[in-house]
Amino acid sequence: MALSTLDARTALVLIDLQKGITAIPGSPYPMSEIIDRAVELADAFRAHRLPVILVRVSGAPDGSDFAAGRSDAPRRSGQRPEGWDVIVDELTGHPGDLIVTKRNVGAFYGTDLELHLRRRGISQIVLGGVATSMGVESTARAAHDHGYHVTFATDAMTDMDGSIHEHSVTRVLPRFGETGTTAEILELLEKTR
């Protein structure tokens, strides 16, 4: 489905664009391109006085406050490097931006994201970030369940495996919202403002 509209009260939500995660190679898009596109989107949203929400994942040094469920995928163990949970410099320095800290894959459960959106009368979110199949997809599912319209900036998100990103973008995310490129979203933003 092509992009149809951006509601009057739309927020940009960027997932896990933080130093420790963006240091990992991305596919199909390198992290540097994801950051550049996220900056373009954030600047445009700020210019239109629409909320920019930067979500980061963080937790206790020993990992004791992360979700504990069993999975086949190995969990990262050991200490994370100092500053791994700090938002990348390219997106910082804007006092009006909101920072949400999560301790799960998705950005809704156990955070104040929904409260920020509801109090601002937000009815739609534009999503980007890392990783497409994890943080972005989990947040999208919860946003859809909460009744938000969701738009995906498909070239402002990436994964660790290009085929997994492609599967999410073509098979999963269209079930929860509309997809488009950064350029298409920016064009639509200008047309609807």
Protein backbone atom coordinates (compact mmCIF):
# COMPACT_ATOMS: atom_id res chain seq x y z
CA MET A 1 0.00 0.00 0.00
CA ALA A 2 1.28 3.45 -0.82
CA LEU A 3 1.47 6.12 1.83
CA SER A 4 -1.93 7.74 2.20
CA THR A 5 -1.56 10.56 4.74
CA LEU A 6 0.09 11.80 7.88
CA ASP A 7 -2.32 12.78 10.62
CA ALA A 8 -2.22 16.31 12.01
CA ARG A 9 -0.74 14.90 15.23
CA THR A 10 1.99 12.55 14.06
CA ALA A 11 5.17 11.77 16.02
CA LEU A 12 8.51 10.45 14.82
CA VAL A 13 9.72 7.50 16.90
CA LEU A 14 13.32 6.38 16.35
CA ILE A 15 14.38 3.09 17.88
CA ASP A 16 17.80 2.30 19.42
CA LEU A 17 19.93 4.79 17.49
CA GLN A 18 22.52 4.68 20.22
CA LYS A 19 26.28 4.32 20.20
CA GLY A 20 26.54 0.66 21.20
CA ILE A 21 23.98 -0.55 18.66
CA THR A 22 24.92 1.65 15.73
CA ALA A 23 28.50 0.35 16.10
CA ILE A 24 27.24 -3.03 14.81
CA PRO A 25 27.22 -3.45 11.01
CA GLY A 26 23.76 -3.01 9.49
CA SER A 27 22.23 -4.66 6.44
CA PRO A 28 20.93 -3.85 3.88
CA TYR A 29 21.73 -0.25 4.88
CA PRO A 30 24.86 0.78 6.76
CA MET A 31 24.27 2.45 10.10
CA SER A 32 25.70 5.75 8.81
CA GLU A 33 22.89 5.95 6.22
CA ILE A 34 20.26 5.11 8.84
CA ILE A 35 21.55 7.89 11.09
CA ASP A 36 21.61 10.38 8.18
CA ARG A 37 18.02 9.56 7.22
CA ALA A 38 16.89 9.68 10.86
CA VAL A 39 18.42 13.16 11.14
CA GLU A 40 16.55 14.27 7.98
CA LEU A 41 13.27 13.01 9.39
CA ALA A 42 13.89 14.48 12.85
CA ASP A 43 14.81 17.89 11.42
CA ALA A 44 11.63 17.93 9.31
CA PHE A 45 9.41 16.88 12.22
CA ARG A 46 10.99 19.52 14.47
CA ALA A 47 10.49 22.17 11.76
CA HIS A 48 6.77 21.32 11.73
CA ARG A 49 6.65 21.29 15.54
CA LEU A 50 5.84 17.60 15.64
CA PRO A 51 7.26 15.41 18.42
CA VAL A 52 10.52 13.53 17.96
CA ILE A 53 10.88 10.59 20.34
CA LEU A 54 14.26 8.91 20.69
CA VAL A 55 14.02 5.44 22.19
CA ARG A 56 17.08 3.80 23.67
CA VAL A 57 17.60 0.47 25.35
CA SER A 58 19.46 0.45 28.63
CA GLY A 59 19.65 -1.51 31.81
CA ALA A 60 21.52 -2.51 34.89
CA PRO A 61 25.16 -3.45 34.26
CA ASP A 62 24.44 -7.08 35.18
CA GLY A 63 21.36 -7.24 32.91
CA SER A 64 19.07 -8.05 35.82
CA ASP A 65 16.32 -5.69 34.65
CA PHE A 66 16.08 -7.01 31.08
CA ALA A 67 13.29 -9.40 30.05
CA ALA A 68 14.25 -12.85 31.24
CA GLY A 69 12.25 -15.23 29.02
CA ARG A 70 13.94 -18.26 27.47
CA SER A 71 14.87 -18.19 23.78
CA ASP A 72 16.93 -20.20 21.34
CA ALA A 73 19.06 -17.17 20.53
CA PRO A 74 21.95 -16.68 22.91
CA ARG A 75 21.75 -13.70 25.23
CA ARG A 76 24.55 -11.21 25.39
CA SER A 77 26.46 -11.65 28.60
CA GLY A 78 29.05 -9.56 30.35
CA GLN A 79 29.38 -5.86 30.88
CA ARG A 80 28.41 -3.47 28.13
CA PRO A 81 30.95 -0.78 27.29
CA GLU A 82 30.60 2.63 28.91
CA GLY A 83 28.23 4.82 26.88
CA TRP A 84 26.74 2.01 24.79
CA ASP A 85 23.22 3.28 25.59
CA VAL A 86 23.87 6.94 24.70
CA ILE A 87 21.90 8.32 21.73
CA VAL A 88 24.19 9.06 18.76
CA ASP A 89 25.56 12.59 18.67
CA GLU A 90 23.86 13.41 15.37
CA LEU A 91 20.43 13.23 17.06
CA THR A 92 21.21 14.93 20.37
CA GLY A 93 21.11 18.58 21.40
CA HIS A 94 17.42 19.24 20.80
CA PRO A 95 15.78 20.01 24.15
CA GLY A 96 12.25 19.49 22.80
CA ASP A 97 12.92 15.86 21.87
CA LEU A 98 11.63 13.19 24.20
CA ILE A 99 13.85 10.32 25.38
CA VAL A 100 12.25 6.99 26.24
CA THR A 101 14.31 4.27 27.89
CA LYS A 102 13.24 0.67 27.40
CA ARG A 103 14.45 -2.60 28.86
CA ASN A 104 12.64 -4.83 26.40
CA VAL A 105 12.66 -5.32 22.65
CA GLY A 106 9.62 -3.10 22.07
CA ALA A 107 9.26 0.52 23.16
CA PHE A 108 5.76 0.36 24.70
CA TYR A 109 5.83 -2.22 27.49
CA GLY A 110 7.33 -0.90 30.72
CA THR A 111 8.01 2.62 29.38
CA ASP A 112 6.26 5.98 29.27
CA LEU A 113 6.02 6.05 25.45
CA GLU A 114 2.25 5.58 25.35
CA LEU A 115 1.79 8.28 27.98
CA HIS A 116 3.87 10.76 25.92
CA LEU A 117 1.83 9.98 22.80
CA ARG A 118 -1.58 10.12 24.48
CA ARG A 119 -0.90 13.38 26.34
CA ARG A 120 0.11 15.03 23.07
CA GLY A 121 -2.95 13.76 21.21
CA ILE A 122 -0.83 11.70 18.81
CA SER A 123 -2.80 9.42 16.49
CA GLN A 124 0.02 8.30 14.18
CA ILE A 125 3.70 7.44 14.48
CA VAL A 126 6.45 7.26 11.88
CA LEU A 127 8.96 4.57 12.83
CA GLY A 128 12.62 4.09 12.00
CA GLY A 129 15.71 2.69 13.67
CA VAL A 130 17.41 -0.56 14.52
CA ALA A 131 16.77 -3.44 14.23
CA THR A 132 13.95 -3.77 11.74
CA SER A 133 12.93 -7.26 12.87
CA MET A 134 13.33 -6.57 16.58
CA GLY A 135 12.87 -3.11 18.13
CA VAL A 136 11.04 -1.57 15.16
CA GLU A 137 8.76 -4.54 14.53
CA SER A 138 7.96 -5.06 18.24
CA THR A 139 7.16 -1.38 18.68
CA ALA A 140 5.00 -1.42 15.54
CA ARG A 141 2.94 -4.37 16.76
CA ALA A 142 2.28 -2.65 20.09
CA ALA A 143 1.49 0.69 18.40
CA HIS A 144 -1.03 -1.07 16.17
CA ASP A 145 -2.54 -2.84 19.19
CA HIS A 146 -2.85 0.56 20.93
CA GLY A 147 -4.78 1.94 17.95
CA TYR A 148 -2.11 4.18 16.41
CA HIS A 149 -1.69 4.57 12.66
CA VAL A 150 1.84 3.47 11.83
CA THR A 151 4.09 4.53 8.96
CA PHE A 152 7.44 2.88 8.37
CA ALA A 153 10.45 4.72 6.94
CA THR A 154 11.80 1.58 5.33
CA ASP A 155 15.17 3.06 4.35
CA ALA A 156 15.63 4.63 7.80
CA MET A 157 15.76 1.21 9.42
CA THR A 158 18.13 -1.70 9.08
CA ASP A 159 18.91 -5.06 10.62
CA MET A 160 21.95 -7.25 11.15
CA ASP A 161 20.85 -9.46 8.23
CA GLY A 162 19.51 -7.95 5.00
CA SER A 163 17.20 -10.89 4.28
CA ILE A 164 15.54 -10.51 7.69
CA HIS A 165 15.07 -6.77 7.07
CA GLU A 166 13.54 -7.54 3.66
CA HIS A 167 11.17 -10.11 5.16
CA SER A 168 10.00 -7.64 7.81
CA VAL A 169 9.55 -4.79 5.30
CA THR A 170 7.71 -6.83 2.67
CA ARG A 171 5.81 -9.41 4.74
CA VAL A 172 5.35 -8.28 8.34
CA LEU A 173 5.28 -4.48 8.62
CA PRO A 174 2.61 -3.94 5.92
CA ARG A 175 0.21 -5.80 8.24
CA PHE A 176 0.64 -3.09 10.85
CA GLY A 177 0.88 0.08 8.78
CA GLU A 178 1.99 1.79 5.61
CA THR A 179 5.53 1.72 4.24
CA GLY A 180 7.51 4.34 2.38
CA THR A 181 10.97 5.77 1.94
CA THR A 182 12.34 8.72 3.86
CA ALA A 183 11.94 10.90 0.75
CA GLU A 184 8.30 9.84 0.33
CA ILE A 185 7.54 10.56 3.98
CA LEU A 186 9.23 13.97 3.81
CA GLU A 187 7.27 14.82 0.66
CA LEU A 188 4.02 13.76 2.31
CA LEU A 189 4.90 15.76 5.42
CA GLU A 190 5.29 18.90 3.30
CA LYS A 191 2.03 18.25 1.43
CA THR A 192 0.00 17.71 4.60
CA ARG A 193 1.29 20.73 6.50
